[in-house]
């Protein structure tokens, strides 16, 4: 499965199959949340939250790829990510794009 953020894949003629997406809402445990609170006092990267977002992005991407595979897709073009805070310590990550099949 090829994923690109352009509307084409070099050297391939594409047939559009449709919109595909993946989403996940992820949170960290209370211990990591408390440690992140302390970290905001002194500054620096909140590694627990970085890990949370990376895990959420990977899960959302996997779900989008599974949707594209169900449609018989060979790739997804115009891949875009969006995220938002749902509540303290939890975030939603969404990824979407257009599933395509190679001709």
PDB file of N, CA and C in Angstrom:
ATOM      1  N   UNK A   1       0.862  -1.183   0.000  1.00  0.00           N
ATOM      2  CA  UNK A   1       0.000   0.000   0.000  1.00  0.00           C
ATOM      3  C   UNK A   1       0.899   1.233   0.000  1.00  0.00           C
ATOM      4  N   UNK A   2       0.684   2.088  -0.981  1.00  0.00           N
ATOM      5  CA  UNK A   2       1.447   3.334  -1.082  1.00  0.00           C
ATOM      6  C   UNK A   2       0.591   4.473  -0.535  1.00  0.00           C
ATOM      7  N   UNK A   3       1.159   5.263   0.370  1.00  0.00           N
ATOM      8  CA  UNK A   3       0.487   6.421   0.944  1.00  0.00           C
ATOM      9  C   UNK A   3       1.272   7.668   0.571  1.00  0.00           C
ATOM     10  N   UNK A   4       0.598   8.646  -0.041  1.00  0.00           N
ATOM     11  CA  UNK A   4       1.263   9.896  -0.413  1.00  0.00           C
ATOM     12  C   UNK A   4       0.346  11.077  -0.088  1.00  0.00           C
ATOM     13  N   UNK A   5       0.974  12.249   0.088  1.00  0.00           N
ATOM     14  CA  UNK A   5       0.165  13.437   0.342  1.00  0.00           C
ATOM     15  C   UNK A   5      -0.010  14.286  -0.910  1.00  0.00           C
ATOM     16  N   UNK A   6       0.301  13.707  -2.063  1.00  0.00           N
ATOM     17  CA  UNK A   6       0.070  14.366  -3.353  1.00  0.00           C
ATOM     18  C   UNK A   6      -1.168  13.742  -4.000  1.00  0.00           C
ATOM     19  N   UNK A   7      -1.623  14.352  -5.091  1.00  0.00           N
ATOM     20  CA  UNK A   7      -2.812  13.812  -5.758  1.00  0.00           C
ATOM     21  C   UNK A   7      -2.455  12.840  -6.870  1.00  0.00           C
ATOM     22  N   UNK A   8      -1.210  12.397  -6.915  1.00  0.00           N
ATOM     23  CA  UNK A   8      -0.762  11.432  -7.925  1.00  0.00           C
ATOM     24  C   UNK A   8       0.330  10.555  -7.329  1.00  0.00           C
ATOM     25  N   UNK A   9       0.599   9.446  -7.992  1.00  0.00           N
ATOM     26  CA  UNK A   9       1.733   8.590  -7.663  1.00  0.00           C
ATOM     27  C   UNK A   9       2.547   8.482  -8.944  1.00  0.00           C
ATOM     28  N   UNK A  10       3.781   8.930  -8.890  1.00  0.00           N
ATOM     29  CA  UNK A  10       4.631   8.984 -10.093  1.00  0.00           C
ATOM     30  C   UNK A  10       4.646   7.653 -10.830  1.00  0.00           C
ATOM     31  N   UNK A  11       4.416   7.739 -12.138  1.00  0.00           N
ATOM     32  CA  UNK A  11       4.491   6.562 -12.992  1.00  0.00           C
ATOM     33  C   UNK A  11       3.274   5.657 -12.940  1.00  0.00           C
ATOM     34  N   UNK A  12       2.230   6.054 -12.243  1.00  0.00           N
ATOM     35  CA  UNK A  12       1.031   5.220 -12.119  1.00  0.00           C
ATOM     36  C   UNK A  12      -0.185   5.958 -12.659  1.00  0.00           C
ATOM     37  N   UNK A  13      -1.010   5.225 -13.391  1.00  0.00           N
ATOM     38  CA  UNK A  13      -2.310   5.735 -13.798  1.00  0.00           C
ATOM     39  C   UNK A  13      -3.300   5.250 -12.747  1.00  0.00           C
ATOM     40  N   UNK A  14      -4.105   6.155 -12.213  1.00  0.00           N
ATOM     41  CA  UNK A  14      -4.937   5.841 -11.054  1.00  0.00           C
ATOM     42  C   UNK A  14      -6.423   5.829 -11.365  1.00  0.00           C
ATOM     43  N   UNK A  15      -7.115   4.914 -10.746  1.00  0.00           N
ATOM     44  CA  UNK A  15      -8.572   4.874 -10.739  1.00  0.00           C
ATOM     45  C   UNK A  15      -9.016   5.217  -9.323  1.00  0.00           C
ATOM     46  N   UNK A  16      -9.860   6.212  -9.172  1.00  0.00           N
ATOM     47  CA  UNK A  16     -10.324   6.638  -7.852  1.00  0.00           C
ATOM     48  C   UNK A  16     -11.366   5.667  -7.315  1.00  0.00           C
ATOM     49  N   UNK A  17     -11.184   5.234  -6.075  1.00  0.00           N
ATOM     50  CA  UNK A  17     -12.133   4.314  -5.447  1.00  0.00           C
ATOM     51  C   UNK A  17     -13.025   5.008  -4.422  1.00  0.00           C
ATOM     52  N   UNK A  18     -12.531   6.039  -3.779  1.00  0.00           N
ATOM     53  CA  UNK A  18     -13.352   6.764  -2.817  1.00  0.00           C
ATOM     54  C   UNK A  18     -12.581   7.186  -1.584  1.00  0.00           C
ATOM     55  N   UNK A  19     -13.257   7.949  -0.750  1.00  0.00           N
ATOM     56  CA  UNK A  19     -12.691   8.473   0.493  1.00  0.00           C
ATOM     57  C   UNK A  19     -12.501   7.352   1.504  1.00  0.00           C
ATOM     58  N   UNK A  20     -11.356   7.348   2.156  1.00  0.00           N
ATOM     59  CA  UNK A  20     -11.095   6.414   3.250  1.00  0.00           C
ATOM     60  C   UNK A  20     -10.578   7.214   4.436  1.00  0.00           C
ATOM     61  N   UNK A  21     -10.842   6.713   5.639  1.00  0.00           N
ATOM     62  CA  UNK A  21     -10.409   7.429   6.834  1.00  0.00           C
ATOM     63  C   UNK A  21     -10.119   6.458   7.952  1.00  0.00           C
ATOM     64  N   UNK A  22      -9.424   6.970   8.937  1.00  0.00           N
ATOM     65  CA  UNK A  22      -9.172   6.237  10.163  1.00  0.00           C
ATOM     66  C   UNK A  22      -9.129   7.237  11.293  1.00  0.00           C
ATOM     67  N   UNK A  23      -9.622   6.850  12.444  1.00  0.00           N
ATOM     68  CA  UNK A  23      -9.624   7.759  13.590  1.00  0.00           C
ATOM     69  C   UNK A  23      -9.439   6.964  14.871  1.00  0.00           C
ATOM     70  N   UNK A  24      -8.870   7.626  15.868  1.00  0.00           N
ATOM     71  CA  UNK A  24      -8.695   7.012  17.178  1.00  0.00           C
ATOM     72  C   UNK A  24      -8.667   8.122  18.223  1.00  0.00           C
ATOM     73  N   UNK A  25      -9.222   7.824  19.385  1.00  0.00           N
ATOM     74  CA  UNK A  25      -9.097   8.712  20.540  1.00  0.00           C
ATOM     75  C   UNK A  25      -8.229   7.974  21.543  1.00  0.00           C
ATOM     76  N   UNK A  26      -7.135   8.602  21.921  1.00  0.00           N
ATOM     77  CA  UNK A  26      -6.138   7.951  22.761  1.00  0.00           C
ATOM     78  C   UNK A  26      -5.882   8.794  24.002  1.00  0.00           C
ATOM     79  N   UNK A  27      -5.595   8.118  25.114  1.00  0.00           N
ATOM     80  CA  UNK A  27      -5.246   8.829  26.343  1.00  0.00           C
ATOM     81  C   UNK A  27      -4.054   8.163  27.002  1.00  0.00           C
ATOM     82  N   UNK A  28      -3.419   8.883  27.892  1.00  0.00           N
ATOM     83  CA  UNK A  28      -2.326   8.355  28.700  1.00  0.00           C
ATOM     84  C   UNK A  28      -2.854   8.107  30.108  1.00  0.00           C
ATOM     85  N   UNK A  29      -2.137   7.266  30.853  1.00  0.00           N
ATOM     86  CA  UNK A  29      -2.585   6.983  32.211  1.00  0.00           C
ATOM     87  C   UNK A  29      -2.356   8.174  33.134  1.00  0.00           C
ATOM     88  N   UNK A  30      -2.991   8.163  34.273  1.00  0.00           N
ATOM     89  CA  UNK A  30      -2.964   9.286  35.208  1.00  0.00           C
ATOM     90  C   UNK A  30      -1.543   9.600  35.682  1.00  0.00           C
ATOM     91  N   UNK A  31      -0.703   8.580  35.845  1.00  0.00           N
ATOM     92  CA  UNK A  31       0.679   8.807  36.276  1.00  0.00           C
ATOM     93  C   UNK A  31       1.447   9.657  35.287  1.00  0.00           C
ATOM     94  N   UNK A  32       1.322   9.332  34.013  1.00  0.00           N
ATOM     95  CA  UNK A  32       2.007  10.124  32.981  1.00  0.00           C
ATOM     96  C   UNK A  32       1.410  11.519  32.889  1.00  0.00           C
ATOM     97  N   UNK A  33       0.108  11.640  33.143  1.00  0.00           N
ATOM     98  CA  UNK A  33      -0.545  12.940  33.102  1.00  0.00           C
ATOM     99  C   UNK A  33      -0.006  13.840  34.218  1.00  0.00           C
ATOM    100  N   UNK A  34       0.171  13.276  35.391  1.00  0.00           N
ATOM    101  CA  UNK A  34       0.710  14.047  36.518  1.00  0.00           C
ATOM    102  C   UNK A  34       2.143  14.483  36.220  1.00  0.00           C
ATOM    103  N   UNK A  35       2.955  13.572  35.679  1.00  0.00           N
ATOM    104  CA  UNK A  35       4.336  13.911  35.351  1.00  0.00           C
ATOM    105  C   UNK A  35       4.395  15.002  34.280  1.00  0.00           C
ATOM    106  N   UNK A  36       3.485  14.948  33.340  1.00  0.00           N
ATOM    107  CA  UNK A  36       3.444  15.986  32.299  1.00  0.00           C
ATOM    108  C   UNK A  36       3.116  17.341  32.919  1.00  0.00           C
ATOM    109  N   UNK A  37       2.230  17.336  33.920  1.00  0.00           N
ATOM    110  CA  UNK A  37       1.893  18.573  34.623  1.00  0.00           C
ATOM    111  C   UNK A  37       3.109  19.198  35.275  1.00  0.00           C
ATOM    112  N   UNK A  38       3.944  18.375  35.896  1.00  0.00           N
ATOM    113  CA  UNK A  38       5.188  18.881  36.496  1.00  0.00           C
ATOM    114  C   UNK A  38       6.131  19.414  35.423  1.00  0.00           C
ATOM    115  N   UNK A  39       6.189  18.746  34.296  1.00  0.00           N
ATOM    116  CA  UNK A  39       7.098  19.130  33.217  1.00  0.00           C
ATOM    117  C   UNK A  39       6.737  20.506  32.662  1.00  0.00           C
ATOM    118  N   UNK A  40       5.461  20.866  32.689  1.00  0.00           N
ATOM    119  CA  UNK A  40       5.063  22.165  32.149  1.00  0.00           C
ATOM    120  C   UNK A  40       5.638  23.312  32.993  1.00  0.00           C
ATOM    121  N   UNK A  41       6.000  23.031  34.238  1.00  0.00           N
ATOM    122  CA  UNK A  41       6.576  24.064  35.101  1.00  0.00           C
ATOM    123  C   UNK A  41       7.999  24.409  34.651  1.00  0.00           C
ATOM    124  N   UNK A  42       8.784  23.397  34.310  1.00  0.00           N
ATOM    125  CA  UNK A  42      10.188  23.624  33.951  1.00  0.00           C
ATOM    126  C   UNK A  42      10.406  23.706  32.441  1.00  0.00           C
ATOM    127  N   UNK A  43       9.452  23.272  31.661  1.00  0.00           N
ATOM    128  CA  UNK A  43       9.569  23.325  30.210  1.00  0.00           C
ATOM    129  C   UNK A  43      10.214  22.077  29.636  1.00  0.00           C
ATOM    130  N   UNK A  44      10.109  21.921  28.337  1.00  0.00           N
ATOM    131  CA  UNK A  44      10.687  20.784  27.652  1.00  0.00           C
ATOM    132  C   UNK A  44       9.623  19.927  26.992  1.00  0.00           C
ATOM    133  N   UNK A  45      10.093  18.903  26.301  1.00  0.00           N
ATOM    134  CA  UNK A  45       9.180  18.016  25.585  1.00  0.00           C
ATOM    135  C   UNK A  45       8.380  17.156  26.560  1.00  0.00           C
ATOM    136  N   UNK A  46       7.112  17.000  26.277  1.00  0.00           N
ATOM    137  CA  UNK A  46       6.245  16.112  27.056  1.00  0.00           C
ATOM    138  C   UNK A  46       6.256  14.761  26.347  1.00  0.00           C
ATOM    139  N   UNK A  47       7.253  13.944  26.663  1.00  0.00           N
ATOM    140  CA  UNK A  47       7.479  12.703  25.926  1.00  0.00           C
ATOM    141  C   UNK A  47       6.289  11.753  25.998  1.00  0.00           C
ATOM    142  N   UNK A  48       5.607  11.706  27.133  1.00  0.00           N
ATOM    143  CA  UNK A  48       4.435  10.840  27.245  1.00  0.00           C
ATOM    144  C   UNK A  48       3.361  11.226  26.244  1.00  0.00           C
ATOM    145  N   UNK A  49       3.166  12.532  26.052  1.00  0.00           N
ATOM    146  CA  UNK A  49       2.163  12.991  25.087  1.00  0.00           C
ATOM    147  C   UNK A  49       2.640  12.784  23.650  1.00  0.00           C
ATOM    148  N   UNK A  50       3.944  12.955  23.418  1.00  0.00           N
ATOM    149  CA  UNK A  50       4.485  12.686  22.075  1.00  0.00           C
ATOM    150  C   UNK A  50       4.263  11.222  21.713  1.00  0.00           C
ATOM    151  N   UNK A  51       4.528  10.329  22.656  1.00  0.00           N
ATOM    152  CA  UNK A  51       4.299   8.902  22.429  1.00  0.00           C
ATOM    153  C   UNK A  51       2.824   8.622  22.173  1.00  0.00           C
ATOM    154  N   UNK A  52       1.950   9.270  22.946  1.00  0.00           N
ATOM    155  CA  UNK A  52       0.510   9.077  22.793  1.00  0.00           C
ATOM    156  C   UNK A  52       0.064   9.464  21.382  1.00  0.00           C
ATOM    157  N   UNK A  53       0.508  10.617  20.902  1.00  0.00           N
ATOM    158  CA  UNK A  53       0.108  11.087  19.576  1.00  0.00           C
ATOM    159  C   UNK A  53       0.681  10.179  18.490  1.00  0.00           C
ATOM    160  N   UNK A  54       1.932   9.748  18.648  1.00  0.00           N
ATOM    161  CA  UNK A  54       2.531   8.838  17.661  1.00  0.00           C
ATOM    162  C   UNK A  54       1.787   7.515  17.597  1.00  0.00           C
ATOM    163  N   UNK A  55       1.408   6.971  18.761  1.00  0.00           N
ATOM    164  CA  UNK A  55       0.638   5.725  18.799  1.00  0.00           C
ATOM    165  C   UNK A  55      -0.724   5.916  18.139  1.00  0.00           C
ATOM    166  N   UNK A  56      -1.372   7.037  18.442  1.00  0.00           N
ATOM    167  CA  UNK A  56      -2.692   7.320  17.870  1.00  0.00           C
ATOM    168  C   UNK A  56      -2.595   7.476  16.356  1.00  0.00           C
ATOM    169  N   UNK A  57      -1.564   8.170  15.884  1.00  0.00           N
ATOM    170  CA  UNK A  57      -1.382   8.371  14.437  1.00  0.00           C
ATOM    171  C   UNK A  57      -1.191   7.032  13.733  1.00  0.00           C
ATOM    172  N   UNK A  58      -0.393   6.145  14.335  1.00  0.00           N
ATOM    173  CA  UNK A  58      -0.153   4.822  13.731  1.00  0.00           C
ATOM    174  C   UNK A  58      -1.439   4.000  13.675  1.00  0.00           C
ATOM    175  N   UNK A  59      -2.235   4.026  14.747  1.00  0.00           N
ATOM    176  CA  UNK A  59      -3.499   3.271  14.761  1.00  0.00           C
ATOM    177  C   UNK A  59      -4.480   3.826  13.738  1.00  0.00           C
ATOM    178  N   UNK A  60      -4.582   5.147  13.666  1.00  0.00           N
ATOM    179  CA  UNK A  60      -5.509   5.763  12.712  1.00  0.00           C
ATOM    180  C   UNK A  60      -5.094   5.440  11.276  1.00  0.00           C
ATOM    181  N   UNK A  61      -3.790   5.489  10.995  1.00  0.00           N
ATOM    182  CA  UNK A  61      -3.293   5.176   9.656  1.00  0.00           C
ATOM    183  C   UNK A  61      -3.608   3.732   9.305  1.00  0.00           C
ATOM    184  N   UNK A  62      -3.403   2.831  10.247  1.00  0.00           N
ATOM    185  CA  UNK A  62      -3.700   1.408  10.017  1.00  0.00           C
ATOM    186  C   UNK A  62      -5.169   1.217   9.659  1.00  0.00           C
ATOM    187  N   UNK A  63      -6.052   1.915  10.357  1.00  0.00           N
ATOM    188  CA  UNK A  63      -7.491   1.803  10.077  1.00  0.00           C
ATOM    189  C   UNK A  63      -7.831   2.348   8.693  1.00  0.00           C
ATOM    190  N   UNK A  64      -7.187   3.442   8.295  1.00  0.00           N
ATOM    191  CA  UNK A  64      -7.432   3.987   6.966  1.00  0.00           C
ATOM    192  C   UNK A  64      -6.963   3.005   5.895  1.00  0.00           C
ATOM    193  N   UNK A  65      -5.783   2.423   6.081  1.00  0.00           N
ATOM    194  CA  UNK A  65      -5.245   1.451   5.125  1.00  0.00           C
ATOM    195  C   UNK A  65      -6.181   0.249   5.017  1.00  0.00           C
ATOM    196  N   UNK A  66      -6.715  -0.218   6.138  1.00  0.00           N
ATOM    197  CA  UNK A  66      -7.653  -1.349   6.111  1.00  0.00           C
ATOM    198  C   UNK A  66      -8.891  -1.013   5.291  1.00  0.00           C
ATOM    199  N   UNK A  67      -9.404   0.217   5.410  1.00  0.00           N
ATOM    200  CA  UNK A  67     -10.560   0.642   4.596  1.00  0.00           C
ATOM    201  C   UNK A  67     -10.197   0.628   3.118  1.00  0.00           C
ATOM    202  N   UNK A  68      -9.004   1.134   2.786  1.00  0.00           N
ATOM    203  CA  UNK A  68      -8.564   1.168   1.383  1.00  0.00           C
ATOM    204  C   UNK A  68      -8.420  -0.249   0.834  1.00  0.00           C
ATOM    205  N   UNK A  69      -7.896  -1.160   1.632  1.00  0.00           N
ATOM    206  CA  UNK A  69      -7.742  -2.553   1.197  1.00  0.00           C
ATOM    207  C   UNK A  69      -9.099  -3.211   0.951  1.00  0.00           C
ATOM    208  N   UNK A  70     -10.091  -2.889   1.784  1.00  0.00           N
ATOM    209  CA  UNK A  70     -11.439  -3.441   1.587  1.00  0.00           C
ATOM    210  C   UNK A  70     -12.042  -3.001   0.257  1.00  0.00           C
ATOM    211  N   UNK A  71     -11.644  -1.816  -0.204  1.00  0.00           N
ATOM    212  CA  UNK A  71     -12.126  -1.308  -1.498  1.00  0.00           C
ATOM    213  C   UNK A  71     -11.302  -1.855  -2.664  1.00  0.00           C
ATOM    214  N   UNK A  72     -10.251  -2.612  -2.357  1.00  0.00           N
ATOM    215  CA  UNK A  72      -9.375  -3.139  -3.398  1.00  0.00           C
ATOM    216  C   UNK A  72      -8.298  -2.163  -3.810  1.00  0.00           C
ATOM    217  N   UNK A  73      -7.996  -1.192  -2.953  1.00  0.00           N
ATOM    218  CA  UNK A  73      -7.026  -0.157  -3.280  1.00  0.00           C
ATOM    219  C   UNK A  73      -5.583  -0.622  -3.252  1.00  0.00           C
ATOM    220  N   UNK A  74      -4.786   0.048  -4.074  1.00  0.00           N
ATOM    221  CA  UNK A  74      -3.346  -0.170  -4.110  1.00  0.00           C
ATOM    222  C   UNK A  74      -2.599   0.953  -3.389  1.00  0.00           C
ATOM    223  N   UNK A  75      -3.303   2.058  -3.150  1.00  0.00           N
ATOM    224  CA  UNK A  75      -2.673   3.198  -2.507  1.00  0.00           C
ATOM    225  C   UNK A  75      -3.706   4.193  -2.032  1.00  0.00           C
ATOM    226  N   UNK A  76      -3.222   5.215  -1.327  1.00  0.00           N
ATOM    227  CA  UNK A  76      -4.077   6.315  -0.872  1.00  0.00           C
ATOM    228  C   UNK A  76      -3.345   7.606  -1.208  1.00  0.00           C
ATOM    229  N   UNK A  77      -4.018   8.500  -1.925  1.00  0.00           N
ATOM    230  CA  UNK A  77      -3.446   9.795  -2.276  1.00  0.00           C
ATOM    231  C   UNK A  77      -4.107  10.892  -1.450  1.00  0.00           C
ATOM    232  N   UNK A  78      -3.464  12.051  -1.438  1.00  0.00           N
ATOM    233  CA  UNK A  78      -3.960  13.210  -0.683  1.00  0.00           C
ATOM    234  C   UNK A  78      -4.160  12.894   0.794  1.00  0.00           C
ATOM    235  N   UNK A  79      -3.229  12.163   1.390  1.00  0.00           N
ATOM    236  CA  UNK A  79      -3.343  11.792   2.801  1.00  0.00           C
ATOM    237  C   UNK A  79      -3.173  13.043   3.669  1.00  0.00           C
ATOM    238  N   UNK A  80      -4.105  13.225   4.597  1.00  0.00           N
ATOM    239  CA  UNK A  80      -4.091  14.369   5.511  1.00  0.00           C
ATOM    240  C   UNK A  80      -4.360  13.888   6.931  1.00  0.00           C
ATOM    241  N   UNK A  81      -3.715  14.542   7.892  1.00  0.00           N
ATOM    242  CA  UNK A  81      -3.911  14.236   9.311  1.00  0.00           C
ATOM    243  C   UNK A  81      -4.522  15.442  10.009  1.00  0.00           C
ATOM    244  N   UNK A  82      -5.337  15.171  11.006  1.00  0.00           N
ATOM    245  CA  UNK A  82      -5.904  16.212  11.857  1.00  0.00           C
ATOM    246  C   UNK A  82      -5.941  15.679  13.273  1.00  0.00           C
ATOM    247  N   UNK A  83      -5.795  16.566  14.240  1.00  0.00           N
ATOM    248  CA  UNK A  83      -5.884  16.136  15.635  1.00  0.00           C
ATOM    249  C   UNK A  83      -6.583  17.209  16.442  1.00  0.00           C
ATOM    250  N   UNK A  84      -7.157  16.779  17.546  1.00  0.00           N
ATOM    251  CA  UNK A  84      -7.816  17.710  18.449  1.00  0.00           C
ATOM    252  C   UNK A  84      -7.829  17.129  19.855  1.00  0.00           C
ATOM    253  N   UNK A  85      -7.814  18.013  20.824  1.00  0.00           N
ATOM    254  CA  UNK A  85      -7.916  17.590  22.220  1.00  0.00           C
ATOM    255  C   UNK A  85      -9.386  17.280  22.509  1.00  0.00           C
ATOM    256  N   UNK A  86      -9.621  16.111  23.078  1.00  0.00           N
ATOM    257  CA  UNK A  86     -10.987  15.714  23.423  1.00  0.00           C
ATOM    258  C   UNK A  86     -11.277  16.092  24.861  1.00  0.00           C
ATOM    259  N   UNK A  87     -10.289  15.865  25.714  1.00  0.00           N
ATOM    260  CA  UNK A  87     -10.353  16.238  27.126  1.00  0.00           C
ATOM    261  C   UNK A  87      -8.921  16.276  27.637  1.00  0.00           C
ATOM    262  N   UNK A  88      -8.706  16.667  28.871  1.00  0.00           N
ATOM    263  CA  UNK A  88      -7.352  16.706  29.437  1.00  0.00           C
ATOM    264  C   UNK A  88      -6.718  15.321  29.343  1.00  0.00           C
ATOM    265  N   UNK A  89      -5.595  15.232  28.653  1.00  0.00           N
ATOM    266  CA  UNK A  89      -4.870  13.967  28.561  1.00  0.00           C
ATOM    267  C   UNK A  89      -5.358  13.021  27.480  1.00  0.00           C
ATOM    268  N   UNK A  90      -6.302  13.461  26.642  1.00  0.00           N
ATOM    269  CA  UNK A  90      -6.809  12.602  25.571  1.00  0.00           C
ATOM    270  C   UNK A  90      -6.908  13.411  24.278  1.00  0.00           C
ATOM    271  N   UNK A  91      -6.576  12.766  23.177  1.00  0.00           N
ATOM    272  CA  UNK A  91      -6.617  13.447  21.881  1.00  0.00           C
ATOM    273  C   UNK A  91      -7.205  12.528  20.828  1.00  0.00           C
ATOM    274  N   UNK A  92      -7.862  13.144  19.855  1.00  0.00           N
ATOM    275  CA  UNK A  92      -8.357  12.406  18.693  1.00  0.00           C
ATOM    276  C   UNK A  92      -7.400  12.676  17.537  1.00  0.00           C
ATOM    277  N   UNK A  93      -7.047  11.634  16.826  1.00  0.00           N
ATOM    278  CA  UNK A  93      -6.263  11.775  15.602  1.00  0.00           C
ATOM    279  C   UNK A  93      -7.077  11.166  14.476  1.00  0.00           C
ATOM    280  N   UNK A  94      -7.211  11.922  13.395  1.00  0.00           N
ATOM    281  CA  UNK A  94      -7.936  11.436  12.224  1.00  0.00           C
ATOM    282  C   UNK A  94      -7.021  11.555  11.022  1.00  0.00           C
ATOM    283  N   UNK A  95      -7.083  10.566  10.148  1.00  0.00           N
ATOM    284  CA  UNK A  95      -6.341  10.594   8.889  1.00  0.00           C
ATOM    285  C   UNK A  95      -7.326  10.236   7.782  1.00  0.00           C
ATOM    286  N   UNK A  96      -7.194  10.890   6.641  1.00  0.00           N
ATOM    287  CA  UNK A  96      -8.100  10.609   5.529  1.00  0.00           C
ATOM    288  C   UNK A  96      -7.394  10.841   4.207  1.00  0.00           C
ATOM    289  N   UNK A  97      -7.927  10.246   3.183  1.00  0.00           N
ATOM    290  CA  UNK A  97      -7.379  10.402   1.842  1.00  0.00           C
ATOM    291  C   UNK A  97      -8.283   9.709   0.837  1.00  0.00           C
ATOM    292  N   UNK A  98      -7.824   9.604  -0.383  1.00  0.00           N
ATOM    293  CA  UNK A  98      -8.572   8.987  -1.458  1.00  0.00           C
ATOM    294  C   UNK A  98      -7.923   7.673  -1.847  1.00  0.00           C
ATOM    295  N   UNK A  99      -8.670   6.579  -1.711  1.00  0.00           N
ATOM    296  CA  UNK A  99      -8.163   5.258  -2.114  1.00  0.00           C
ATOM    297  C   UNK A  99      -8.130   5.200  -3.639  1.00  0.00           C
ATOM    298  N   UNK A 100      -7.049   4.626  -4.158  1.00  0.00           N
ATOM    299  CA  UNK A 100      -6.898   4.482  -5.601  1.00  0.00           C
ATOM    300  C   UNK A 100      -6.426   3.074  -5.959  1.00  0.00           C
ATOM    301  N   UNK A 101      -6.725   2.708  -7.186  1.00  0.00           N
ATOM    302  CA  UNK A 101      -6.277   1.424  -7.735  1.00  0.00           C
ATOM    303  C   UNK A 101      -5.429   1.739  -8.956  1.00  0.00           C
ATOM    304  N   UNK A 102      -4.339   0.978  -9.126  1.00  0.00           N
ATOM    305  CA  UNK A 102      -3.492   1.171 -10.293  1.00  0.00           C
ATOM    306  C   UNK A 102      -4.129   0.527 -11.511  1.00  0.00           C
ATOM    307  N   UNK A 103      -4.063   1.197 -12.650  1.00  0.00           N
ATOM    308  CA  UNK A 103      -4.618   0.658 -13.903  1.00  0.00           C
ATOM    309  C   UNK A 103      -3.576  -0.117 -14.628  1.00  0.00           C
TER     310      UNK A 103
END
